[in-house]
PDB file of all heavy atoms in Angstrom:
ATOM      1  N   MET A   1      77.997  29.630  74.102  1.00  0.00           N
ATOM      2  CA  MET A   1      78.419  30.967  73.686  1.00  0.00           C
ATOM      3  C   MET A   1      77.255  31.955  73.676  1.00  0.00           C
ATOM      4  O   MET A   1      77.422  33.116  74.053  1.00  0.00           O
ATOM      5  CB  MET A   1      79.053  30.895  72.283  1.00  0.00           C
ATOM      6  CG  MET A   1      79.522  32.240  71.745  1.00  0.00           C
ATOM      7  SD  MET A   1      80.513  32.072  70.247  1.00  0.00           S
ATOM      8  CE  MET A   1      82.027  31.412  70.927  1.00  0.00           C
ATOM      9  N   PHE A   2      76.072  31.471  73.274  1.00  0.00           N
ATOM     10  CA  PHE A   2      74.881  32.326  73.176  1.00  0.00           C
ATOM     11  C   PHE A   2      73.733  31.676  73.947  1.00  0.00           C
ATOM     12  O   PHE A   2      72.861  31.026  73.353  1.00  0.00           O
ATOM     13  CB  PHE A   2      74.488  32.528  71.716  1.00  0.00           C
ATOM     14  CG  PHE A   2      75.556  33.123  70.850  1.00  0.00           C
ATOM     15  CD1 PHE A   2      76.103  32.393  69.803  1.00  0.00           C
ATOM     16  CD2 PHE A   2      76.011  34.416  71.065  1.00  0.00           C
ATOM     17  CE1 PHE A   2      77.073  32.937  68.983  1.00  0.00           C
ATOM     18  CE2 PHE A   2      76.998  34.976  70.253  1.00  0.00           C
ATOM     19  CZ  PHE A   2      77.535  34.232  69.212  1.00  0.00           C
ATOM     20  N   PRO A   3      73.701  31.815  75.265  1.00  0.00           N
ATOM     21  CA  PRO A   3      72.683  31.139  76.086  1.00  0.00           C
ATOM     22  C   PRO A   3      71.251  31.461  75.684  1.00  0.00           C
ATOM     23  O   PRO A   3      70.362  30.606  75.831  1.00  0.00           O
ATOM     24  CB  PRO A   3      72.986  31.657  77.506  1.00  0.00           C
ATOM     25  CG  PRO A   3      74.423  32.042  77.473  1.00  0.00           C
ATOM     26  CD  PRO A   3      74.657  32.568  76.101  1.00  0.00           C
ATOM     27  N   VAL A   4      71.006  32.654  75.157  1.00  0.00           N
ATOM     28  CA  VAL A   4      69.638  33.017  74.780  1.00  0.00           C
ATOM     29  C   VAL A   4      69.114  32.104  73.674  1.00  0.00           C
ATOM     30  O   VAL A   4      67.905  31.841  73.592  1.00  0.00           O
ATOM     31  CB  VAL A   4      69.573  34.503  74.347  1.00  0.00           C
ATOM     32  CG1 VAL A   4      70.325  34.744  73.045  1.00  0.00           C
ATOM     33  CG2 VAL A   4      68.119  34.958  74.199  1.00  0.00           C
ATOM     34  N   LEU A   5      69.999  31.600  72.839  1.00  0.00           N
ATOM     35  CA  LEU A   5      69.568  30.687  71.773  1.00  0.00           C
ATOM     36  C   LEU A   5      69.112  29.353  72.347  1.00  0.00           C
ATOM     37  O   LEU A   5      68.167  28.736  71.833  1.00  0.00           O
ATOM     38  CB  LEU A   5      70.700  30.471  70.762  1.00  0.00           C
ATOM     39  CG  LEU A   5      71.217  31.719  70.036  1.00  0.00           C
ATOM     40  CD1 LEU A   5      72.278  31.331  69.021  1.00  0.00           C
ATOM     41  CD2 LEU A   5      70.075  32.471  69.359  1.00  0.00           C
ATOM     42  N   LYS A   6      69.754  28.920  73.417  1.00  0.00           N
ATOM     43  CA  LYS A   6      69.327  27.676  74.055  1.00  0.00           C
ATOM     44  C   LYS A   6      67.983  27.864  74.738  1.00  0.00           C
ATOM     45  O   LYS A   6      67.102  26.994  74.660  1.00  0.00           O
ATOM     46  CB  LYS A   6      70.378  27.219  75.072  1.00  0.00           C
ATOM     47  CG  LYS A   6      70.052  25.859  75.689  1.00  0.00           C
ATOM     48  CD  LYS A   6      71.216  25.317  76.485  1.00  0.00           C
ATOM     49  CE  LYS A   6      70.925  23.890  76.955  1.00  0.00           C
ATOM     50  NZ  LYS A   6      72.087  23.310  77.672  1.00  0.00           N
ATOM     51  N   GLU A   7      67.805  29.007  75.393  1.00  0.00           N
ATOM     52  CA  GLU A   7      66.542  29.285  76.073  1.00  0.00           C
ATOM     53  C   GLU A   7      65.369  29.280  75.103  1.00  0.00           C
ATOM     54  O   GLU A   7      64.260  28.852  75.449  1.00  0.00           O
ATOM     55  CB  GLU A   7      66.609  30.654  76.764  1.00  0.00           C
ATOM     56  CG  GLU A   7      67.606  30.737  77.914  1.00  0.00           C
ATOM     57  CD  GLU A   7      67.824  32.175  78.368  1.00  0.00           C
ATOM     58  OE1 GLU A   7      67.028  33.053  77.949  1.00  0.00           O
ATOM     59  OE2 GLU A   7      68.794  32.417  79.117  1.00  0.00           O
ATOM     60  N   LYS A   8      65.610  29.717  73.875  1.00  0.00           N
ATOM     61  CA  LYS A   8      64.529  29.867  72.893  1.00  0.00           C
ATOM     62  C   LYS A   8      64.643  28.884  71.734  1.00  0.00           C
ATOM     63  O   LYS A   8      64.053  29.090  70.674  1.00  0.00           O
ATOM     64  CB  LYS A   8      64.542  31.296  72.344  1.00  0.00           C
ATOM     65  CG  LYS A   8      64.371  32.375  73.412  1.00  0.00           C
ATOM     66  CD  LYS A   8      64.289  33.769  72.795  1.00  0.00           C
ATOM     67  CE  LYS A   8      64.018  34.822  73.849  1.00  0.00           C
ATOM     68  NZ  LYS A   8      63.824  36.167  73.270  1.00  0.00           N
ATOM     69  N   HIS A   9      65.378  27.791  71.925  1.00  0.00           N
ATOM     70  CA  HIS A   9      65.765  26.932  70.807  1.00  0.00           C
ATOM     71  C   HIS A   9      64.602  26.407  69.976  1.00  0.00           C
ATOM     72  O   HIS A   9      64.741  26.141  68.785  1.00  0.00           O
ATOM     73  CB  HIS A   9      66.600  25.750  71.323  1.00  0.00           C
ATOM     74  CG  HIS A   9      65.811  24.735  72.075  1.00  0.00           C
ATOM     75  ND1 HIS A   9      65.476  24.897  73.411  1.00  0.00           N
ATOM     76  CD2 HIS A   9      65.271  23.544  71.679  1.00  0.00           C
ATOM     77  CE1 HIS A   9      64.784  23.843  73.812  1.00  0.00           C
ATOM     78  NE2 HIS A   9      64.638  23.024  72.789  1.00  0.00           N
ATOM     79  N   ALA A  10      63.424  26.264  70.583  1.00  0.00           N
ATOM     80  CA  ALA A  10      62.277  25.696  69.862  1.00  0.00           C
ATOM     81  C   ALA A  10      61.428  26.755  69.163  1.00  0.00           C
ATOM     82  O   ALA A  10      60.530  26.414  68.388  1.00  0.00           O
ATOM     83  CB  ALA A  10      61.407  24.899  70.827  1.00  0.00           C
ATOM     84  N   LEU A  11      61.715  28.030  69.405  1.00  0.00           N
ATOM     85  CA  LEU A  11      60.922  29.105  68.817  1.00  0.00           C
ATOM     86  C   LEU A  11      61.355  29.385  67.381  1.00  0.00           C
ATOM     87  O   LEU A  11      62.506  29.148  67.000  1.00  0.00           O
ATOM     88  CB  LEU A  11      61.077  30.384  69.639  1.00  0.00           C
ATOM     89  CG  LEU A  11      60.540  30.357  71.071  1.00  0.00           C
ATOM     90  CD1 LEU A  11      60.811  31.695  71.750  1.00  0.00           C
ATOM     91  CD2 LEU A  11      59.052  30.050  71.083  1.00  0.00           C
ATOM     92  N   PRO A  12      60.434  29.907  66.561  1.00  0.00           N
ATOM     93  CA  PRO A  12      60.826  30.308  65.201  1.00  0.00           C
ATOM     94  C   PRO A  12      61.902  31.384  65.240  1.00  0.00           C
ATOM     95  O   PRO A  12      61.842  32.309  66.057  1.00  0.00           O
ATOM     96  CB  PRO A  12      59.526  30.856  64.596  1.00  0.00           C
ATOM     97  CG  PRO A  12      58.432  30.240  65.405  1.00  0.00           C
ATOM     98  CD  PRO A  12      58.986  30.104  66.792  1.00  0.00           C
ATOM     99  N   ALA A  13      62.880  31.284  64.362  1.00  0.00           N
ATOM    100  CA  ALA A  13      63.976  32.250  64.346  1.00  0.00           C
ATOM    101  C   ALA A  13      63.478  33.663  64.080  1.00  0.00           C
ATOM    102  O   ALA A  13      64.085  34.631  64.531  1.00  0.00           O
ATOM    103  CB  ALA A  13      64.997  31.849  63.282  1.00  0.00           C
ATOM    104  N   GLY A  14      62.363  33.777  63.378  1.00  0.00           N
ATOM    105  CA  GLY A  14      61.818  35.095  63.069  1.00  0.00           C
ATOM    106  C   GLY A  14      61.305  35.856  64.274  1.00  0.00           C
ATOM    107  O   GLY A  14      61.050  37.062  64.184  1.00  0.00           O
ATOM    108  N   THR A  15      61.153  35.180  65.416  1.00  0.00           N
ATOM    109  CA  THR A  15      60.678  35.856  66.630  1.00  0.00           C
ATOM    110  C   THR A  15      61.812  36.513  67.408  1.00  0.00           C
ATOM    111  O   THR A  15      61.557  37.240  68.370  1.00  0.00           O
ATOM    112  CB  THR A  15      59.941  34.861  67.553  1.00  0.00           C
ATOM    113  OG1 THR A  15      60.876  33.872  68.018  1.00  0.00           O
ATOM    114  CG2 THR A  15      58.793  34.180  66.823  1.00  0.00           C
ATOM    115  N   LEU A  16      63.042  36.264  67.007  1.00  0.00           N
ATOM    116  CA  LEU A  16      64.188  36.833  67.715  1.00  0.00           C
ATOM    117  C   LEU A  16      64.373  38.304  67.366  1.00  0.00           C
ATOM    118  O   LEU A  16      63.998  38.755  66.276  1.00  0.00           O
ATOM    119  CB  LEU A  16      65.468  36.077  67.346  1.00  0.00           C
ATOM    120  CG  LEU A  16      65.570  34.609  67.766  1.00  0.00           C
ATOM    121  CD1 LEU A  16      66.837  33.999  67.194  1.00  0.00           C
ATOM    122  CD2 LEU A  16      65.535  34.475  69.276  1.00  0.00           C
ATOM    123  N   SER A  17      64.988  39.041  68.266  1.00  0.00           N
ATOM    124  CA  SER A  17      65.368  40.423  67.987  1.00  0.00           C
ATOM    125  C   SER A  17      66.507  40.424  66.973  1.00  0.00           C
ATOM    126  O   SER A  17      67.121  39.393  66.684  1.00  0.00           O
ATOM    127  CB  SER A  17      65.825  41.118  69.269  1.00  0.00           C
ATOM    128  OG  SER A  17      67.061  40.563  69.712  1.00  0.00           O
ATOM    129  N   GLY A  18      66.820  41.619  66.444  1.00  0.00           N
ATOM    130  CA  GLY A  18      67.905  41.718  65.473  1.00  0.00           C
ATOM    131  C   GLY A  18      69.230  41.234  66.026  1.00  0.00           C
ATOM    132  O   GLY A  18      69.978  40.518  65.355  1.00  0.00           O
ATOM    133  N   GLY A  19      69.523  41.598  67.273  1.00  0.00           N
ATOM    134  CA  GLY A  19      70.775  41.166  67.883  1.00  0.00           C
ATOM    135  C   GLY A  19      70.827  39.662  68.090  1.00  0.00           C
ATOM    136  O   GLY A  19      71.858  39.024  67.877  1.00  0.00           O
ATOM    137  N   GLN A  20      69.697  39.084  68.504  1.00  0.00           N
ATOM    138  CA  GLN A  20      69.637  37.641  68.704  1.00  0.00           C
ATOM    139  C   GLN A  20      69.748  36.900  67.368  1.00  0.00           C
ATOM    140  O   GLN A  20      70.369  35.837  67.294  1.00  0.00           O
ATOM    141  CB  GLN A  20      68.346  37.280  69.429  1.00  0.00           C
ATOM    142  CG  GLN A  20      68.316  37.776  70.871  1.00  0.00           C
ATOM    143  CD  GLN A  20      66.936  37.712  71.485  1.00  0.00           C
ATOM    144  OE1 GLN A  20      65.928  37.487  70.804  1.00  0.00           O
ATOM    145  NE2 GLN A  20      66.861  37.923  72.798  1.00  0.00           N
ATOM    146  N   GLN A  21      69.169  37.478  66.311  1.00  0.00           N
ATOM    147  CA  GLN A  21      69.311  36.868  64.993  1.00  0.00           C
ATOM    148  C   GLN A  21      70.761  36.902  64.520  1.00  0.00           C
ATOM    149  O   GLN A  21      71.230  35.980  63.850  1.00  0.00           O
ATOM    150  CB  GLN A  21      68.409  37.573  63.979  1.00  0.00           C
ATOM    151  CG  GLN A  21      66.937  37.252  64.151  1.00  0.00           C
ATOM    152  CD  GLN A  21      66.088  37.787  63.013  1.00  0.00           C
ATOM    153  OE1 GLN A  21      66.596  38.099  61.934  1.00  0.00           O
ATOM    154  NE2 GLN A  21      64.792  37.896  63.247  1.00  0.00           N
ATOM    155  N   GLN A  22      71.484  37.975  64.893  1.00  0.00           N
ATOM    156  CA  GLN A  22      72.899  38.029  64.536  1.00  0.00           C
ATOM    157  C   GLN A  22      73.673  36.938  65.258  1.00  0.00           C
ATOM    158  O   GLN A  22      74.548  36.291  64.679  1.00  0.00           O
ATOM    159  CB  GLN A  22      73.490  39.392  64.875  1.00  0.00           C
ATOM    160  CG  GLN A  22      74.927  39.587  64.393  1.00  0.00           C
ATOM    161  CD  GLN A  22      75.037  39.536  62.884  1.00  0.00           C
ATOM    162  OE1 GLN A  22      74.532  40.392  62.177  1.00  0.00           O
ATOM    163  NE2 GLN A  22      75.696  38.504  62.375  1.00  0.00           N
ATOM    164  N   MET A  23      73.353  36.711  66.534  1.00  0.00           N
ATOM    165  CA  MET A  23      73.976  35.617  67.274  1.00  0.00           C
ATOM    166  C   MET A  23      73.670  34.278  66.610  1.00  0.00           C
ATOM    167  O   MET A  23      74.539  33.404  66.502  1.00  0.00           O
ATOM    168  CB  MET A  23      73.474  35.616  68.717  1.00  0.00           C
ATOM    169  CG  MET A  23      73.882  36.839  69.518  1.00  0.00           C
ATOM    170  SD  MET A  23      73.077  36.882  71.143  1.00  0.00           S
ATOM    171  CE  MET A  23      73.512  38.537  71.701  1.00  0.00           C
ATOM    172  N   LEU A  24      72.430  34.114  66.153  1.00  0.00           N
ATOM    173  CA  LEU A  24      72.039  32.874  65.472  1.00  0.00           C
ATOM    174  C   LEU A  24      72.819  32.702  64.176  1.00  0.00           C
ATOM    175  O   LEU A  24      73.279  31.590  63.862  1.00  0.00           O
ATOM    176  CB  LEU A  24      70.536  32.885  65.203  1.00  0.00           C
ATOM    177  CG  LEU A  24      69.974  31.701  64.410  1.00  0.00           C
ATOM    178  CD1 LEU A  24      70.295  30.379  65.098  1.00  0.00           C
ATOM    179  CD2 LEU A  24      68.461  31.864  64.232  1.00  0.00           C
ATOM    180  N   ALA A  25      72.986  33.782  63.424  1.00  0.00           N
ATOM    181  CA  ALA A  25      73.721  33.703  62.167  1.00  0.00           C
ATOM    182  C   ALA A  25      75.181  33.310  62.402  1.00  0.00           C
ATOM    183  O   ALA A  25      75.761  32.517  61.651  1.00  0.00           O
ATOM    184  CB  ALA A  25      73.636  35.033  61.427  1.00  0.00           C
ATOM    185  N   VAL A  26      75.784  33.870  63.459  1.00  0.00           N
ATOM    186  CA  VAL A  26      77.161  33.493  63.804  1.00  0.00           C
ATOM    187  C   VAL A  26      77.203  32.032  64.237  1.00  0.00           C
ATOM    188  O   VAL A  26      78.064  31.254  63.794  1.00  0.00           O
ATOM    189  CB  VAL A  26      77.715  34.407  64.915  1.00  0.00           C
ATOM    190  CG1 VAL A  26      79.075  33.896  65.406  1.00  0.00           C
ATOM    191  CG2 VAL A  26      77.831  35.842  64.429  1.00  0.00           C
ATOM    192  N   GLY A  27      76.267  31.642  65.081  1.00  0.00           N
ATOM    193  CA  GLY A  27      76.220  30.254  65.542  1.00  0.00           C
ATOM    194  C   GLY A  27      76.041  29.277  64.398  1.00  0.00           C
ATOM    195  O   GLY A  27      76.662  28.205  64.367  1.00  0.00           O
ATOM    196  N   ARG A  28      75.189  29.627  63.449  1.00  0.00           N
ATOM    197  CA  ARG A  28      74.957  28.757  62.283  1.00  0.00           C
ATOM    198  C   ARG A  28      76.247  28.545  61.497  1.00  0.00           C
ATOM    199  O   ARG A  28      76.555  27.432  61.061  1.00  0.00           O
ATOM    200  CB  ARG A  28      73.875  29.380  61.401  1.00  0.00           C
ATOM    201  CG  ARG A  28      73.490  28.547  60.181  1.00  0.00           C
ATOM    202  CD  ARG A  28      72.389  29.239  59.396  1.00  0.00           C
ATOM    203  NE  ARG A  28      72.800  30.577  58.960  1.00  0.00           N
ATOM    204  CZ  ARG A  28      71.964  31.454  58.424  1.00  0.00           C
ATOM    205  NH1 ARG A  28      70.679  31.166  58.288  1.00  0.00           N
ATOM    206  NH2 ARG A  28      72.403  32.640  58.046  1.00  0.00           N
ATOM    207  N   ALA A  29      77.030  29.624  61.318  1.00  0.00           N
ATOM    208  CA  ALA A  29      78.308  29.496  60.617  1.00  0.00           C
ATOM    209  C   ALA A  29      79.281  28.628  61.410  1.00  0.00           C
ATOM    210  O   ALA A  29      80.018  27.818  60.830  1.00  0.00           O
ATOM    211  CB  ALA A  29      78.907  30.876  60.360  1.00  0.00           C
ATOM    212  N   LEU A  30      79.293  28.768  62.730  1.00  0.00           N
ATOM    213  CA  LEU A  30      80.200  27.974  63.559  1.00  0.00           C
ATOM    214  C   LEU A  30      79.875  26.489  63.487  1.00  0.00           C
ATOM    215  O   LEU A  30      80.763  25.644  63.656  1.00  0.00           O
ATOM    216  CB  LEU A  30      80.131  28.447  65.013  1.00  0.00           C
ATOM    217  CG  LEU A  30      80.639  29.856  65.291  1.00  0.00           C
ATOM    218  CD1 LEU A  30      80.481  30.193  66.764  1.00  0.00           C
ATOM    219  CD2 LEU A  30      82.094  30.013  64.862  1.00  0.00           C
ATOM    220  N   MET A  31      78.620  26.160  63.236  1.00  0.00           N
ATOM    221  CA  MET A  31      78.235  24.748  63.117  1.00  0.00           C
ATOM    222  C   MET A  31      78.928  24.072  61.928  1.00  0.00           C
ATOM    223  O   MET A  31      79.032  22.856  61.874  1.00  0.00           O
ATOM    224  CB  MET A  31      76.725  24.629  62.984  1.00  0.00           C
ATOM    225  CG  MET A  31      75.946  25.004  64.236  1.00  0.00           C
ATOM    226  SD  MET A  31      76.225  23.884  65.631  1.00  0.00           S
ATOM    227  CE  MET A  31      75.462  22.367  65.026  1.00  0.00           C
ATOM    228  N   GLY A  32      79.415  24.866  60.984  1.00  0.00           N
ATOM    229  CA  GLY A  32      80.155  24.306  59.853  1.00  0.00           C
ATOM    230  C   GLY A  32      81.625  24.095  60.138  1.00  0.00           C
ATOM    231  O   GLY A  32      82.373  23.721  59.240  1.00  0.00           O
ATOM    232  N   ARG A  33      82.050  24.331  61.388  1.00  0.00           N
ATOM    233  CA  ARG A  33      83.454  24.198  61.786  1.00  0.00           C
ATOM    234  C   ARG A  33      84.391  24.937  60.827  1.00  0.00           C
ATOM    235  O   ARG A  33      85.233  24.329  60.147  1.00  0.00           O
ATOM    236  CB  ARG A  33      83.855  22.732  61.903  1.00  0.00           C
ATOM    237  CG  ARG A  33      83.167  22.022  63.048  1.00  0.00           C
ATOM    238  CD  ARG A  33      83.914  20.790  63.477  1.00  0.00           C
ATOM    239  NE  ARG A  33      83.371  20.226  64.694  1.00  0.00           N
ATOM    240  CZ  ARG A  33      83.937  19.239  65.385  1.00  0.00           C
ATOM    241  NH1 ARG A  33      85.080  18.729  64.971  1.00  0.00           N
ATOM    242  NH2 ARG A  33      83.384  18.776  66.491  1.00  0.00           N
ATOM    243  N   PRO A  34      84.261  26.249  60.736  1.00  0.00           N
ATOM    244  CA  PRO A  34      85.025  27.010  59.739  1.00  0.00           C
ATOM    245  C   PRO A  34      86.532  27.017  59.987  1.00  0.00           C
ATOM    246  O   PRO A  34      86.982  27.115  61.128  1.00  0.00           O
ATOM    247  CB  PRO A  34      84.458  28.426  59.876  1.00  0.00           C
ATOM    248  CG  PRO A  34      83.907  28.485  61.264  1.00  0.00           C
ATOM    249  CD  PRO A  34      83.380  27.109  61.546  1.00  0.00           C
ATOM    250  N   LYS A  35      87.258  26.897  58.902  1.00  0.00           N
ATOM    251  CA  LYS A  35      88.691  27.150  58.931  1.00  0.00           C
ATOM    252  C   LYS A  35      88.959  28.621  58.620  1.00  0.00           C
ATOM    253  O   LYS A  35      90.026  29.146  58.935  1.00  0.00           O
ATOM    254  CB  LYS A  35      89.407  26.257  57.908  1.00  0.00           C
ATOM    255  CG  LYS A  35      89.295  24.772  58.243  1.00  0.00           C
ATOM    256  CD  LYS A  35      89.921  23.921  57.153  1.00  0.00           C
ATOM    257  CE  LYS A  35      89.754  22.436  57.466  1.00  0.00           C
ATOM    258  NZ  LYS A  35      90.239  21.585  56.347  1.00  0.00           N
ATOM    259  N   LEU A  36      87.962  29.265  58.003  1.00  0.00           N
ATOM    260  CA  LEU A  36      87.977  30.715  57.775  1.00  0.00           C
ATOM    261  C   LEU A  36      86.546  31.199  57.955  1.00  0.00           C
ATOM    262  O   LEU A  36      85.643  30.770  57.239  1.00  0.00           O
ATOM    263  CB  LEU A  36      88.478  31.049  56.371  1.00  0.00           C
ATOM    264  CG  LEU A  36      88.381  32.526  55.965  1.00  0.00           C
ATOM    265  CD1 LEU A  36      89.264  33.393  56.861  1.00  0.00           C
ATOM    266  CD2 LEU A  36      88.764  32.704  54.489  1.00  0.00           C
ATOM    267  N   LEU A  37      86.350  32.080  58.931  1.00  0.00           N
ATOM    268  CA  LEU A  37      85.028  32.637  59.205  1.00  0.00           C
ATOM    269  C   LEU A  37      84.943  34.032  58.592  1.00  0.00           C
ATOM    270  O   LEU A  37      85.734  34.912  58.914  1.00  0.00           O
ATOM    271  CB  LEU A  37      84.789  32.715  60.712  1.00  0.00           C
ATOM    272  CG  LEU A  37      83.432  33.284  61.159  1.00  0.00           C
ATOM    273  CD1 LEU A  37      82.285  32.381  60.698  1.00  0.00           C
ATOM    274  CD2 LEU A  37      83.399  33.451  62.676  1.00  0.00           C
ATOM    275  N   LEU A  38      83.973  34.220  57.703  1.00  0.00           N
ATOM    276  CA  LEU A  38      83.745  35.503  57.052  1.00  0.00           C
ATOM    277  C   LEU A  38      82.566  36.193  57.730  1.00  0.00           C
ATOM    278  O   LEU A  38      81.454  35.652  57.745  1.00  0.00           O
ATOM    279  CB  LEU A  38      83.442  35.310  55.566  1.00  0.00           C
ATOM    280  CG  LEU A  38      84.445  34.498  54.740  1.00  0.00           C
ATOM    281  CD1 LEU A  38      83.950  34.348  53.306  1.00  0.00           C
ATOM    282  CD2 LEU A  38      85.832  35.143  54.763  1.00  0.00           C
ATOM    283  N   LEU A  39      82.802  37.366  58.286  1.00  0.00           N
ATOM    284  CA  LEU A  39      81.759  38.117  58.984  1.00  0.00           C
ATOM    285  C   LEU A  39      81.459  39.394  58.211  1.00  0.00           C
ATOM    286  O   LEU A  39      82.325  40.260  58.075  1.00  0.00           O
ATOM    287  CB  LEU A  39      82.211  38.481  60.403  1.00  0.00           C
ATOM    288  CG  LEU A  39      82.448  37.328  61.373  1.00  0.00           C
ATOM    289  CD1 LEU A  39      83.076  37.841  62.661  1.00  0.00           C
ATOM    290  CD2 LEU A  39      81.141  36.620  61.687  1.00  0.00           C
ATOM    291  N   ASP A  40      80.231  39.502  57.710  1.00  0.00           N
ATOM    292  CA  ASP A  40      79.852  40.644  56.884  1.00  0.00           C
ATOM    293  C   ASP A  40      78.940  41.584  57.665  1.00  0.00           C
ATOM    294  O   ASP A  40      77.769  41.286  57.892  1.00  0.00           O
ATOM    295  CB  ASP A  40      79.137  40.151  55.614  1.00  0.00           C
ATOM    296  CG  ASP A  40      79.017  41.245  54.557  1.00  0.00           C
ATOM    297  OD1 ASP A  40      79.393  42.394  54.839  1.00  0.00           O
ATOM    298  OD2 ASP A  40      78.546  40.939  53.447  1.00  0.00           O
ATOM    299  N   GLU A  41      79.497  42.710  58.096  1.00  0.00           N
ATOM    300  CA  GLU A  41      78.755  43.762  58.805  1.00  0.00           C
ATOM    301  C   GLU A  41      77.956  43.224  60.002  1.00  0.00           C
ATOM    302  O   GLU A  41      76.742  43.417  60.089  1.00  0.00           O
ATOM    303  CB  GLU A  41      77.802  44.491  57.841  1.00  0.00           C
ATOM    304  CG  GLU A  41      78.470  45.122  56.633  1.00  0.00           C
ATOM    305  CD  GLU A  41      79.152  46.445  56.942  1.00  0.00           C
ATOM    306  OE1 GLU A  41      79.248  46.813  58.117  1.00  0.00           O
ATOM    307  OE2 GLU A  41      79.602  47.101  55.992  1.00  0.00           O
TER     308      GLU A  41
END
């Protein structure tokens, strides 16, 4: 879903741009297999 995360998977998350960090935050939530996904701003 977010190929840029795979390209940079070994890098510290703090090196990502704001948009890439948002993708990471969404991906992290998806790893919990949500039955209800809450997206805040």
